[in-house]
N, C-alpha and C. Protein backbone atom coordinates (compact mmCIF):
# COMPACT_ATOMS: atom_id res chain seq x y z
N UNK A 1 -41.23 21.96 -38.46
CA UNK A 1 -42.10 23.28 -38.53
C UNK A 1 -42.80 23.75 -39.54
N UNK A 2 -43.85 24.30 -39.45
CA UNK A 2 -44.48 24.77 -40.84
C UNK A 2 -43.58 25.18 -42.16
N UNK A 3 -43.86 25.33 -42.98
CA UNK A 3 -43.24 25.54 -44.30
C UNK A 3 -44.13 26.71 -45.03
N UNK A 4 -43.46 28.27 -44.70
CA UNK A 4 -44.22 29.15 -45.29
C UNK A 4 -44.37 29.22 -46.93
N UNK A 5 -45.12 29.03 -47.22
CA UNK A 5 -45.26 28.97 -48.99
C UNK A 5 -46.25 29.92 -49.71
N UNK A 6 -47.35 29.98 -48.80
CA UNK A 6 -49.01 30.71 -49.58
C UNK A 6 -49.36 32.05 -49.00
N UNK A 7 -50.19 32.63 -49.28
CA UNK A 7 -50.69 33.90 -48.55
C UNK A 7 -51.15 33.39 -46.97
N UNK A 8 -52.05 32.37 -47.35
CA UNK A 8 -52.85 31.61 -46.06
C UNK A 8 -51.86 31.15 -45.17
N UNK A 9 -50.68 31.44 -45.15
CA UNK A 9 -49.60 30.71 -43.98
C UNK A 9 -49.08 32.18 -43.30
N UNK A 10 -49.16 33.36 -43.96
CA UNK A 10 -48.91 34.62 -43.29
C UNK A 10 -50.25 35.47 -42.85
N UNK A 11 -51.40 35.53 -43.66
CA UNK A 11 -52.25 36.26 -43.47
C UNK A 11 -52.91 36.45 -42.31
N UNK A 12 -53.33 37.63 -41.92
CA UNK A 12 -54.28 37.70 -40.71
C UNK A 12 -55.90 37.27 -40.95
N UNK A 13 -55.95 36.50 -40.20
CA UNK A 13 -57.56 35.73 -40.50
C UNK A 13 -58.41 36.66 -39.93
N UNK A 14 -58.30 37.42 -38.64
CA UNK A 14 -58.97 38.33 -38.32
C UNK A 14 -59.30 39.71 -39.16
N UNK A 15 -60.24 39.74 -39.79
CA UNK A 15 -60.38 40.96 -40.49
C UNK A 15 -61.79 41.97 -40.26
N UNK A 16 -61.16 43.12 -40.73
CA UNK A 16 -62.33 44.33 -40.08
C UNK A 16 -62.87 44.70 -41.46
N UNK A 17 -64.35 44.50 -41.63
CA UNK A 17 -64.93 45.19 -42.88
C UNK A 17 -65.96 45.83 -43.01
N UNK A 18 -66.67 46.16 -44.00
CA UNK A 18 -67.76 46.75 -43.85
C UNK A 18 -69.09 46.56 -44.94
N UNK A 19 -70.02 46.68 -45.22
CA UNK A 19 -71.09 45.97 -45.77
C UNK A 19 -71.07 47.36 -46.86
N UNK A 20 -71.91 47.19 -47.59
CA UNK A 20 -71.85 48.00 -48.85
C UNK A 20 -73.12 48.91 -48.43
N UNK A 21 -73.75 48.54 -47.72
CA UNK A 21 -74.57 49.69 -46.83
C UNK A 21 -74.29 50.62 -45.96
N UNK A 22 -73.24 50.58 -45.72
CA UNK A 22 -72.56 51.48 -44.67
C UNK A 22 -72.36 52.71 -44.65
N UNK A 23 -72.35 53.53 -43.98
CA UNK A 23 -72.63 54.88 -44.07
C UNK A 23 -71.05 55.68 -44.04
N UNK A 24 -70.86 56.73 -44.54
CA UNK A 24 -69.64 57.48 -44.48
C UNK A 24 -68.91 57.66 -43.01
N UNK A 25 -69.82 58.00 -42.23
CA UNK A 25 -69.49 58.24 -40.41
C UNK A 25 -68.85 56.80 -39.92
N UNK A 26 -69.71 55.99 -40.19
CA UNK A 26 -69.43 54.20 -39.88
C UNK A 26 -67.85 53.78 -40.52
N UNK A 27 -67.97 54.08 -41.70
CA UNK A 27 -66.78 53.77 -42.08
C UNK A 27 -65.31 54.41 -41.51
N UNK A 28 -65.78 55.69 -41.39
CA UNK A 28 -64.54 56.80 -40.76
C UNK A 28 -64.19 56.11 -39.22
N UNK A 29 -65.22 55.80 -38.60
CA UNK A 29 -65.26 55.61 -37.52
C UNK A 29 -64.40 54.45 -37.16
N UNK A 30 -64.70 53.43 -38.25
CA UNK A 30 -63.97 52.09 -37.90
C UNK A 30 -62.64 51.69 -38.42
N UNK A 31 -62.38 53.13 -39.67
CA UNK A 31 -60.64 53.12 -40.09
C UNK A 31 -60.20 53.99 -39.04
N UNK A 32 -60.70 54.92 -37.90
CA UNK A 32 -59.99 55.55 -36.80
C UNK A 32 -59.75 54.34 -35.96
N UNK A 33 -60.79 53.73 -35.51
CA UNK A 33 -60.72 52.88 -34.38
C UNK A 33 -59.54 51.69 -34.33
N UNK A 34 -59.75 50.92 -35.92
CA UNK A 34 -58.76 49.95 -36.26
C UNK A 34 -57.29 50.21 -36.73
N UNK A 35 -57.18 51.53 -37.04
CA UNK A 35 -55.87 52.11 -37.81
C UNK A 35 -55.73 51.96 -39.06
N UNK A 36 -56.96 51.63 -39.90
CA UNK A 36 -56.88 51.43 -40.96
C UNK A 36 -57.02 51.89 -42.27
N UNK A 37 -56.28 52.11 -43.65
CA UNK A 37 -56.59 53.32 -44.29
C UNK A 37 -57.67 52.87 -45.36
N UNK A 38 -57.82 51.64 -45.12
CA UNK A 38 -58.87 50.90 -46.43
C UNK A 38 -59.61 49.47 -45.85
N UNK A 39 -60.51 49.83 -46.19
CA UNK A 39 -61.75 48.49 -45.62
C UNK A 39 -62.37 47.92 -46.88
N UNK A 40 -62.10 46.53 -47.15
CA UNK A 40 -62.81 45.70 -48.05
C UNK A 40 -64.48 45.84 -47.57
N UNK A 41 -65.31 46.01 -48.98
CA UNK A 41 -66.90 46.18 -48.46
C UNK A 41 -66.90 44.61 -49.35
N UNK A 42 -68.38 44.08 -48.49
CA UNK A 42 -68.64 42.65 -48.60
C UNK A 42 -70.13 42.87 -49.22
N UNK A 43 -70.38 42.00 -49.62
CA UNK A 43 -71.86 41.31 -50.13
C UNK A 43 -72.52 41.06 -49.03
N UNK A 44 -73.95 40.22 -49.15
CA UNK A 44 -74.43 39.89 -48.20
C UNK A 44 -74.04 38.40 -48.04
N UNK A 45 -73.11 37.95 -48.76
CA UNK A 45 -73.05 36.65 -49.13
C UNK A 45 -71.55 36.39 -48.31
N UNK A 46 -70.63 37.70 -48.17
CA UNK A 46 -69.63 37.80 -47.57
C UNK A 46 -68.30 37.88 -48.76
N UNK A 47 -68.82 37.91 -50.17
CA UNK A 47 -67.81 38.28 -50.85
C UNK A 47 -67.36 39.77 -50.81
N UNK A 48 -66.18 39.49 -51.14
CA UNK A 48 -65.53 41.41 -51.26
C UNK A 48 -66.25 42.06 -52.84
N UNK A 49 -66.57 42.88 -52.83
CA UNK A 49 -67.30 43.67 -53.93
C UNK A 49 -66.88 44.66 -54.33
N UNK A 50 -65.60 45.00 -53.49
CA UNK A 50 -65.31 46.69 -53.68
C UNK A 50 -64.36 46.91 -52.56
N UNK A 51 -63.49 48.00 -52.53
CA UNK A 51 -62.83 48.61 -51.34
C UNK A 51 -63.00 50.00 -51.31
N UNK A 52 -63.13 50.45 -49.97
CA UNK A 52 -62.99 51.94 -49.87
C UNK A 52 -62.15 52.59 -48.93
N UNK A 53 -61.20 53.40 -49.51
CA UNK A 53 -60.08 54.03 -48.99
C UNK A 53 -60.20 55.18 -48.36
N UNK A 54 -59.50 55.86 -47.41
CA UNK A 54 -59.40 57.24 -47.14
C UNK A 54 -59.51 57.90 -48.59
N UNK A 55 -58.80 57.82 -49.43
CA UNK A 55 -58.47 58.59 -50.87
C UNK A 55 -60.19 58.85 -51.26
N UNK A 56 -60.90 57.28 -51.33
CA UNK A 56 -62.27 57.35 -51.65
C UNK A 56 -63.28 58.50 -50.83
N UNK A 57 -62.94 58.20 -49.56
CA UNK A 57 -63.76 59.19 -48.71
C UNK A 57 -63.35 60.66 -48.96
N UNK A 58 -61.87 61.14 -49.24
CA UNK A 58 -61.86 62.34 -49.51
C UNK A 58 -62.33 62.95 -50.94
N UNK A 59 -61.97 62.04 -52.04
CA UNK A 59 -62.59 62.63 -53.27
C UNK A 59 -63.85 62.67 -53.47
N UNK A 60 -64.96 61.89 -52.94
CA UNK A 60 -65.84 61.73 -53.25
C UNK A 60 -67.34 62.61 -52.14
N UNK A 61 -66.72 62.67 -51.12
CA UNK A 61 -67.45 63.41 -50.20
C UNK A 61 -67.26 64.83 -49.80
N UNK A 62 -66.15 65.17 -50.52
CA UNK A 62 -65.44 66.75 -50.17
C UNK A 62 -66.30 68.04 -50.37
N UNK A 63 -66.41 68.69 -49.37
CA UNK A 63 -66.87 69.73 -49.32
C UNK A 63 -68.36 69.58 -49.28
N UNK A 64 -69.18 68.41 -48.69
CA UNK A 64 -70.51 68.36 -48.50
C UNK A 64 -70.56 67.36 -47.24
N UNK A 65 -71.93 67.61 -46.60
CA UNK A 65 -72.17 67.08 -45.23
C UNK A 65 -73.31 65.84 -45.85
N UNK A 66 -72.49 64.76 -46.13
CA UNK A 66 -73.03 63.28 -46.78
C UNK A 66 -72.94 62.09 -45.69
N UNK A 67 -72.42 62.19 -44.75
CA UNK A 67 -72.07 61.66 -43.56
C UNK A 67 -72.96 60.09 -43.67
N UNK A 68 -74.05 60.51 -43.46
CA UNK A 68 -75.55 59.65 -43.30
C UNK A 68 -75.94 59.28 -44.70
N UNK A 69 -75.58 59.65 -45.78
CA UNK A 69 -76.78 59.45 -46.94
C UNK A 69 -75.89 58.67 -47.88
N UNK A 70 -74.41 58.95 -47.84
CA UNK A 70 -73.59 58.45 -48.90
C UNK A 70 -72.82 56.90 -48.08
N UNK A 71 -73.09 55.82 -49.28
CA UNK A 71 -72.74 54.72 -48.53
C UNK A 71 -71.35 53.86 -49.00
N UNK A 72 -70.63 52.97 -48.76
CA UNK A 72 -69.92 52.32 -48.84
C UNK A 72 -69.72 51.67 -50.49
N UNK A 73 -71.28 51.51 -50.74
CA UNK A 73 -71.17 50.87 -52.17
C UNK A 73 -71.05 51.86 -53.02
N UNK A 74 -71.76 52.96 -52.72
CA UNK A 74 -71.49 54.39 -53.74
C UNK A 74 -69.97 54.85 -53.74
N UNK A 75 -69.40 54.52 -52.73
CA UNK A 75 -67.78 54.87 -53.18
C UNK A 75 -66.87 54.54 -53.24
N UNK A 76 -66.81 52.75 -53.22
CA UNK A 76 -65.97 51.82 -53.37
C UNK A 76 -65.42 51.72 -54.53
N UNK A 77 -64.23 51.63 -54.52
CA UNK A 77 -63.53 51.03 -55.95
C UNK A 77 -63.34 49.78 -56.36
N UNK A 78 -63.90 49.71 -57.54
CA UNK A 78 -64.29 48.37 -58.20
C UNK A 78 -63.86 48.29 -59.50
N UNK A 79 -63.26 46.87 -60.01
CA UNK A 79 -63.56 45.80 -58.90
C UNK A 79 -62.56 45.80 -58.08
N UNK A 80 -62.70 45.02 -56.94
CA UNK A 80 -61.76 44.94 -55.95
C UNK A 80 -60.42 44.45 -56.29
N UNK A 81 -58.89 44.60 -56.12
CA UNK A 81 -57.90 43.96 -56.22
C UNK A 81 -57.96 43.08 -54.77
N UNK A 82 -57.65 41.81 -55.37
CA UNK A 82 -57.95 40.78 -54.09
C UNK A 82 -56.61 39.88 -54.76
N UNK A 83 -56.41 38.88 -53.60
CA UNK A 83 -55.32 37.86 -53.59
C UNK A 83 -56.07 36.57 -53.27
N UNK A 84 -55.58 35.54 -53.77
CA UNK A 84 -55.93 34.23 -53.39
C UNK A 84 -55.21 33.43 -52.33
N UNK A 85 -56.12 32.89 -51.39
CA UNK A 85 -55.37 32.52 -50.23
C UNK A 85 -54.36 31.25 -50.65
N UNK A 86 -54.18 30.94 -51.51
CA UNK A 86 -53.33 29.74 -51.89
C UNK A 86 -52.67 30.17 -53.31
N UNK A 87 -52.42 31.86 -53.29
CA UNK A 87 -51.12 32.54 -54.00
C UNK A 87 -50.05 32.30 -53.28
N UNK A 88 -48.91 32.20 -54.01
CA UNK A 88 -47.57 31.82 -53.50
C UNK A 88 -47.24 33.78 -52.68
N UNK A 89 -46.18 33.65 -52.00
CA UNK A 89 -45.60 34.62 -51.21
C UNK A 89 -45.43 35.49 -52.23
N UNK A 90 -44.52 35.09 -53.01
CA UNK A 90 -43.70 36.06 -54.19
C UNK A 90 -44.88 36.56 -55.12
N UNK A 91 -45.96 35.68 -55.23
CA UNK A 91 -46.66 36.42 -56.26
C UNK A 91 -47.65 37.42 -55.50
N UNK A 92 -47.84 37.41 -54.31
CA UNK A 92 -48.82 38.25 -53.86
C UNK A 92 -47.75 39.49 -53.59
N UNK A 93 -46.70 39.30 -52.94
CA UNK A 93 -45.69 40.70 -53.34
C UNK A 93 -45.68 41.38 -54.44
N UNK A 94 -45.51 40.88 -55.84
CA UNK A 94 -45.29 41.25 -56.58
C UNK A 94 -46.50 41.93 -57.14
N UNK A 95 -47.93 41.60 -56.82
CA UNK A 95 -48.96 42.18 -56.90
C UNK A 95 -49.17 43.69 -56.10
N UNK A 96 -48.43 43.23 -54.76
CA UNK A 96 -48.69 44.73 -53.92
C UNK A 96 -47.96 45.59 -54.50
N UNK A 97 -46.77 45.18 -54.90
CA UNK A 97 -45.50 46.13 -55.46
C UNK A 97 -46.19 46.59 -56.62
N UNK A 98 -46.96 46.08 -57.58
CA UNK A 98 -47.17 46.33 -58.69
C UNK A 98 -48.25 47.66 -58.50
N UNK A 99 -49.16 47.25 -57.52
CA UNK A 99 -50.26 48.47 -57.29
C UNK A 99 -50.14 49.43 -56.19
N UNK A 100 -48.86 49.46 -55.88
CA UNK A 100 -48.69 50.47 -54.51
C UNK A 100 -49.67 49.85 -53.42
N UNK A 101 -50.02 48.67 -53.21
CA UNK A 101 -50.87 48.27 -52.31
C UNK A 101 -50.28 48.00 -50.84
N UNK A 102 -50.82 48.65 -49.56
CA UNK A 102 -50.27 48.21 -48.34
C UNK A 102 -50.90 47.05 -47.81
N UNK A 103 -52.13 46.49 -48.59
CA UNK A 103 -52.66 45.71 -47.92
C UNK A 103 -53.83 44.89 -48.79
N UNK A 104 -53.75 43.83 -49.01
CA UNK A 104 -54.87 42.96 -49.80
C UNK A 104 -55.72 42.33 -49.36
N UNK A 105 -57.05 42.48 -49.42
CA UNK A 105 -58.03 41.22 -49.02
C UNK A 105 -57.87 39.87 -49.86
N UNK A 106 -57.75 38.97 -48.88
CA UNK A 106 -57.61 37.74 -49.45
C UNK A 106 -58.81 36.61 -49.36
N UNK A 107 -59.01 36.10 -50.53
CA UNK A 107 -60.28 35.40 -50.92
C UNK A 107 -60.47 34.24 -51.23
N UNK A 108 -61.16 33.32 -50.87
CA UNK A 108 -61.29 31.78 -51.27
C UNK A 108 -61.96 31.43 -52.55
N UNK A 109 -62.37 30.48 -53.01
CA UNK A 109 -62.12 30.44 -54.71
C UNK A 109 -63.73 31.26 -54.89
N UNK A 110 -64.39 30.93 -54.14
CA UNK A 110 -65.71 31.70 -54.45
C UNK A 110 -65.84 33.42 -54.19
N UNK A 111 -64.38 33.81 -53.94
CA UNK A 111 -64.42 35.35 -53.81
C UNK A 111 -64.99 35.63 -52.32
N UNK A 112 -65.06 34.79 -51.37
CA UNK A 112 -65.64 35.14 -49.78
C UNK A 112 -64.01 35.52 -49.22
N UNK A 113 -64.50 36.72 -48.74
CA UNK A 113 -63.23 37.05 -47.95
C UNK A 113 -62.83 36.28 -46.37
N UNK A 114 -61.56 35.77 -46.45
CA UNK A 114 -61.20 34.77 -45.81
C UNK A 114 -59.82 35.48 -44.66
N UNK A 115 -59.58 36.59 -45.08
CA UNK A 115 -58.45 37.48 -44.32
C UNK A 115 -57.91 38.65 -45.13
N UNK A 116 -56.51 39.24 -44.59
CA UNK A 116 -55.93 39.99 -45.39
C UNK A 116 -54.45 40.28 -44.67
N UNK A 117 -53.84 40.50 -45.76
CA UNK A 117 -52.52 40.42 -46.08
C UNK A 117 -51.97 41.31 -46.02
N UNK A 118 -50.65 41.94 -45.36
CA UNK A 118 -50.20 43.29 -45.86
C UNK A 118 -48.68 43.12 -45.95
N UNK A 119 -47.98 44.30 -46.08
CA UNK A 119 -46.44 44.01 -46.44
C UNK A 119 -45.81 43.46 -45.11
N UNK A 120 -46.08 43.77 -44.04
CA UNK A 120 -45.65 43.21 -42.97
C UNK A 120 -45.71 41.85 -42.36
N UNK A 121 -46.97 41.42 -42.92
CA UNK A 121 -47.40 39.91 -43.25
C UNK A 121 -46.08 38.93 -43.93
N UNK A 122 -46.04 39.71 -45.49
CA UNK A 122 -45.43 38.81 -46.62
C UNK A 122 -43.57 39.25 -46.15
N UNK A 123 -43.53 40.00 -45.03
CA UNK A 123 -42.13 39.88 -44.64
C UNK A 123 -41.88 39.16 -43.17
N UNK A 124 -42.95 38.40 -42.59
CA UNK A 124 -42.64 37.69 -41.97
C UNK A 124 -41.70 36.19 -42.30
N UNK A 125 -41.69 35.73 -43.73
CA UNK A 125 -40.88 34.95 -43.97
C UNK A 125 -39.38 35.18 -43.81
N UNK A 126 -38.90 36.26 -43.44
CA UNK A 126 -37.56 36.77 -43.42
C UNK A 126 -37.25 36.74 -41.61
N UNK A 127 -38.51 36.37 -41.00
CA UNK A 127 -38.30 35.99 -39.28
C UNK A 127 -38.12 34.87 -39.21
N UNK A 128 -38.17 33.60 -40.30
CA UNK A 128 -38.33 32.33 -40.12
C UNK A 128 -36.75 31.87 -39.16
N UNK A 129 -36.86 30.82 -38.22
CA UNK A 129 -35.54 30.39 -37.91
C UNK A 129 -34.76 29.48 -39.02
N UNK A 130 -33.69 29.82 -38.59
CA UNK A 130 -32.74 28.95 -39.57
C UNK A 130 -32.86 27.56 -39.86
N UNK A 131 -33.25 27.13 -38.62
CA UNK A 131 -33.39 25.39 -38.58
C UNK A 131 -34.39 25.29 -39.36
N UNK A 132 -35.20 26.07 -39.45
CA UNK A 132 -36.96 25.77 -40.22
C UNK A 132 -35.97 25.84 -42.10
N UNK A 133 -35.89 26.88 -42.19
CA UNK A 133 -35.10 26.92 -43.75
C UNK A 133 -34.42 25.59 -43.97
N UNK A 134 -33.30 25.32 -42.99
CA UNK A 134 -32.56 24.21 -43.68
C UNK A 134 -33.04 22.80 -43.64
N UNK A 135 -34.18 22.96 -42.80
CA UNK A 135 -34.95 21.59 -42.88
C UNK A 135 -35.64 21.59 -44.18
N UNK A 136 -36.76 22.48 -44.72
CA UNK A 136 -37.49 22.74 -45.67
C UNK A 136 -36.44 22.23 -46.93
N UNK A 137 -35.25 23.19 -47.04
CA UNK A 137 -34.46 23.08 -48.15
C UNK A 137 -33.83 21.43 -48.18
N UNK A 138 -33.43 20.99 -46.85
CA UNK A 138 -33.04 19.41 -47.26
C UNK A 138 -34.24 18.34 -47.51
N UNK A 139 -35.26 18.60 -47.32
CA UNK A 139 -36.49 18.07 -47.49
C UNK A 139 -36.45 18.21 -49.15
N UNK A 140 -36.47 19.22 -49.76
CA UNK A 140 -36.44 19.60 -51.14
C UNK A 140 -35.94 18.67 -51.88
N UNK A 141 -34.25 18.93 -51.45
CA UNK A 141 -33.12 18.22 -52.38
C UNK A 141 -33.29 17.13 -52.06
N UNK A 142 -33.51 16.23 -50.98
CA UNK A 142 -33.76 14.80 -50.76
C UNK A 142 -34.41 14.20 -51.49
N UNK A 143 -35.98 14.81 -51.26
CA UNK A 143 -37.12 14.09 -51.68
C UNK A 143 -37.22 14.19 -53.40
N UNK A 144 -37.16 15.43 -53.63
CA UNK A 144 -37.30 15.66 -55.39
C UNK A 144 -36.22 15.88 -55.85
N UNK A 145 -35.03 16.44 -55.67
CA UNK A 145 -33.98 17.11 -56.79
C UNK A 145 -33.01 16.31 -56.66
N UNK A 146 -32.61 15.15 -55.87
CA UNK A 146 -31.23 14.44 -55.93
C UNK A 146 -31.53 12.94 -56.15
N UNK A 147 -31.52 12.72 -57.19
CA UNK A 147 -31.57 11.35 -57.46
C UNK A 147 -30.30 10.60 -56.74
N UNK A 148 -30.48 9.19 -56.55
CA UNK A 148 -29.57 8.57 -55.59
C UNK A 148 -28.13 8.64 -56.18
N UNK A 149 -27.13 8.73 -55.58
CA UNK A 149 -25.84 8.87 -56.04
C UNK A 149 -25.43 10.22 -57.04
N UNK A 150 -26.57 11.09 -57.54
CA UNK A 150 -26.05 11.87 -58.24
C UNK A 150 -25.31 13.25 -57.36
N UNK A 151 -25.76 13.25 -56.38
CA UNK A 151 -24.77 14.13 -55.34
C UNK A 151 -25.22 14.32 -54.11
N UNK A 152 -24.02 14.90 -53.47
CA UNK A 152 -23.69 14.93 -51.91
C UNK A 152 -24.01 15.91 -51.63
N UNK A 153 -24.85 16.78 -50.85
CA UNK A 153 -24.95 18.42 -50.41
C UNK A 153 -25.30 18.12 -49.06
N UNK A 154 -24.33 19.15 -48.37
CA UNK A 154 -24.80 19.86 -47.25
C UNK A 154 -25.14 21.17 -47.09
N UNK A 155 -26.34 21.34 -46.20
CA UNK A 155 -27.26 22.50 -46.24
C UNK A 155 -26.81 23.33 -44.97
N UNK A 156 -26.01 24.25 -45.01
CA UNK A 156 -26.05 25.28 -43.78
C UNK A 156 -26.85 26.63 -43.82
N UNK A 157 -27.24 27.10 -42.83
CA UNK A 157 -27.97 28.18 -42.78
C UNK A 157 -27.62 29.21 -41.55
N UNK A 158 -27.29 30.37 -42.26
CA UNK A 158 -26.85 31.50 -40.83
C UNK A 158 -27.35 32.62 -41.13
N UNK A 159 -28.83 33.33 -40.56
CA UNK A 159 -29.39 34.31 -40.12
C UNK A 159 -29.82 34.63 -41.82
N UNK A 160 -30.46 33.38 -42.23
CA UNK A 160 -30.99 33.21 -43.29
C UNK A 160 -30.05 33.37 -44.98
N UNK A 161 -28.85 33.11 -44.84
CA UNK A 161 -27.66 32.94 -45.63
C UNK A 161 -27.65 31.46 -45.90
N UNK A 162 -27.81 30.70 -46.87
CA UNK A 162 -27.65 29.53 -47.37
C UNK A 162 -26.24 28.96 -48.01
N UNK A 163 -25.51 28.29 -46.99
CA UNK A 163 -24.40 27.82 -47.73
C UNK A 163 -24.82 26.31 -47.91
N UNK A 164 -24.29 26.19 -49.35
CA UNK A 164 -24.31 24.68 -49.90
C UNK A 164 -23.27 23.92 -50.49
N UNK A 165 -22.69 23.29 -49.57
CA UNK A 165 -21.61 22.30 -49.69
C UNK A 165 -21.49 21.10 -50.37
N UNK A 166 -20.56 20.53 -50.98
CA UNK A 166 -20.84 19.16 -51.40
C UNK A 166 -19.94 18.61 -52.97
N UNK A 167 -20.47 17.88 -53.19
CA UNK A 167 -20.55 17.00 -54.54
C UNK A 167 -21.59 16.75 -55.28
N UNK A 168 -21.37 17.33 -56.61
CA UNK A 168 -22.68 16.94 -57.48
C UNK A 168 -21.90 16.67 -58.94
N UNK A 169 -22.93 15.92 -59.51
CA UNK A 169 -22.51 15.14 -60.77
C UNK A 169 -22.00 16.13 -61.98
N UNK A 170 -22.28 17.38 -62.08
CA UNK A 170 -22.27 18.51 -63.27
C UNK A 170 -22.49 19.79 -62.49
N UNK A 171 -21.62 20.86 -63.22
CA UNK A 171 -22.36 22.12 -63.18
C UNK A 171 -23.38 22.56 -63.42
N UNK A 172 -24.20 22.03 -64.07
CA UNK A 172 -25.63 22.26 -64.51
C UNK A 172 -26.18 21.83 -63.17
N UNK A 173 -26.23 20.48 -62.55
CA UNK A 173 -27.22 20.29 -61.52
C UNK A 173 -26.50 21.30 -60.47
N UNK A 174 -25.67 22.04 -60.03
CA UNK A 174 -25.10 22.91 -59.01
C UNK A 174 -25.96 24.08 -59.22
N UNK A 175 -26.08 24.46 -60.59
CA UNK A 175 -26.71 25.63 -60.67
C UNK A 175 -28.27 25.38 -60.30
N UNK A 176 -28.83 24.26 -60.64
CA UNK A 176 -30.35 24.04 -60.44
C UNK A 176 -30.64 23.94 -58.75
N UNK A 177 -29.33 23.62 -58.04
CA UNK A 177 -29.65 23.32 -56.41
C UNK A 177 -29.93 24.73 -56.30
N UNK A 178 -28.65 25.71 -56.54
CA UNK A 178 -28.52 27.40 -56.13
C UNK A 178 -30.23 27.85 -56.38
N UNK A 179 -30.44 27.48 -57.41
CA UNK A 179 -32.01 28.20 -57.85
C UNK A 179 -33.25 27.50 -56.91
N UNK A 180 -32.89 26.56 -56.77
CA UNK A 180 -33.79 25.76 -55.76
C UNK A 180 -33.45 26.75 -54.32
N UNK A 181 -32.64 26.82 -53.87
CA UNK A 181 -32.35 27.34 -52.25
C UNK A 181 -32.74 28.86 -52.34
N UNK A 182 -32.66 29.25 -53.57
CA UNK A 182 -33.13 30.76 -53.44
C UNK A 182 -34.58 30.73 -53.55
N UNK A 183 -35.17 29.96 -53.76
CA UNK A 183 -36.58 29.62 -54.03
C UNK A 183 -37.52 29.50 -52.60
N UNK A 184 -36.65 29.22 -51.63
CA UNK A 184 -37.37 28.88 -50.39
C UNK A 184 -37.77 30.04 -49.33
N UNK A 185 -38.84 30.25 -49.30
CA UNK A 185 -39.07 31.71 -48.56
C UNK A 185 -38.46 31.76 -47.29
N UNK A 186 -37.66 32.87 -46.83
CA UNK A 186 -36.62 33.44 -45.80
C UNK A 186 -35.34 33.27 -46.13
N UNK A 187 -35.19 32.65 -47.58
CA UNK A 187 -33.36 32.66 -47.84
C UNK A 187 -33.16 34.29 -48.35
N UNK A 188 -32.00 34.96 -47.78
CA UNK A 188 -31.74 35.87 -47.98
C UNK A 188 -30.76 36.08 -49.24
N UNK A 189 -29.88 35.17 -49.14
CA UNK A 189 -28.83 34.95 -49.90
C UNK A 189 -28.25 33.46 -50.23
N UNK A 190 -27.52 32.76 -51.04
CA UNK A 190 -26.95 31.63 -51.52
C UNK A 190 -25.42 31.71 -51.55
N UNK A 191 -24.94 30.88 -51.00
CA UNK A 191 -23.69 30.68 -51.32
C UNK A 191 -22.91 29.19 -51.58
N UNK A 192 -22.56 29.04 -52.98
CA UNK A 192 -22.11 27.61 -53.42
C UNK A 192 -20.80 27.23 -53.19
N UNK A 193 -20.60 25.96 -52.47
CA UNK A 193 -19.33 25.77 -52.42
C UNK A 193 -19.47 24.28 -53.25
N UNK A 194 -20.71 23.72 -54.01
CA UNK A 194 -20.43 22.90 -54.89
C UNK A 194 -19.57 22.07 -55.79
N UNK A 195 -19.21 20.99 -55.73
CA UNK A 195 -17.89 21.15 -57.11
C UNK A 195 -18.38 19.89 -57.74
N UNK A 196 -18.30 19.47 -58.94
CA UNK A 196 -18.56 18.81 -59.72
C UNK A 196 -17.52 17.54 -59.44
N UNK A 197 -18.36 16.54 -59.80
CA UNK A 197 -17.10 15.23 -59.48
C UNK A 197 -16.30 15.36 -60.93
N UNK A 198 -15.06 14.86 -60.64
CA UNK A 198 -14.24 14.50 -61.60
C UNK A 198 -13.92 13.45 -62.16
N UNK A 199 -14.30 13.12 -63.60
CA UNK A 199 -14.45 11.63 -64.29
C UNK A 199 -13.14 10.76 -63.85
N UNK A 200 -13.47 9.66 -63.83
CA UNK A 200 -12.21 8.90 -63.53
C UNK A 200 -11.38 8.40 -64.55
């Protein structure tokens, strides 16, 4: 099954946006229709040049009837806070938490809009099947982290809680394996029953 690692793995690919020339009336109607509190503003080339939010609308057009004269380009917040599609899920979560964002535009290397990621999207990793988590962790341990003969590790996953059992060469390696297990998306907690080999 697919390993969830980057924003591209969990983002919503169908995105509602407006161009910089969109008037207030159209912006409000689009927000109402789709239930969004903010929208990315795009250039003619599809690059994200700003974000217009309900707060922008309330502050910048308060008390005036400018719904057909003020545009998204005049009201939008710049520079826009975006996240690259290849950003890690953890990195996107930190950015979202730091700025108190509910959703962020996702861009490619040229800054073109390719999707949007929300808090709910990032939480999808905690819905991963236990078998998926166990498969990814076993692949990581056997392919990269356990040289032949240095450890015998059994992986069990129940509702996102990982249990590691087995024998490792030393306590330092056991600590490394626990840190690796915690880094796998969808892991809620890790219990280690690993023990070090006793020298003969």
